[in-house]
């Protein structure tokens, strides 16, 4: 009640909210309207069911996340699901094993500007589909997709297709707005230009895949 009063009266935003296993109320209402960071995690023994998924869905519907939403979860391939369009945060980050529930169809539905997946089992074909989907869309939100690939090998050759028609990168000194990628030499990537003139760079280093969109540049 006190937290709800503070939120309603002063429009407070909590710095961080942690959701762990069963500390999620049935209504999904935790008494907080807004937070900068949301961490969702579980123990190795936790199992997912429709009831838990529904509680998390209600939380995501009612909690504004202005910064990063982080998944640190296990066994998500078995029984876990939430509507990907419920994520309205600035950045969505999946740690190892947390994205096992994310199929190609789900990946294409995220509406988050910054997407990061660590040790992700995405097939190369799904990553290519994501790039092609963006290329033919009017998506103006996406800033980047970063994937640390778990097993599969990926290279720039996978994207050298007639459909994407990549062109050489002429500006070797281009600096991204995101500090996380300022040590990357984007001149070693491939540039694609969408129908509306929006440009993006595909960059691959080992198992690191980055799809970076150049807004206002």
Foldseek 3Di string as FASTA:
>chain_A
DVLLVCCVPVVDEAAEDEAEQPPQDQQLCPSGQEYQEYEYEYDPPHDAAPSVQVSPQNVLQRYHHAHEYEYHYAPCCHHHDDQLCSDPYQEYEYEPRRCNNPDLVRVLPHLHQHYEYEQDADDPVSVLVNVLSVQADPRPRHFKYKYQHNDDDDDLVVVCDPSQPWDQDDDQCDADPDPVCRVPRQNPWTWGAHPVRWIWTWDDDTRITMIGTDPPD
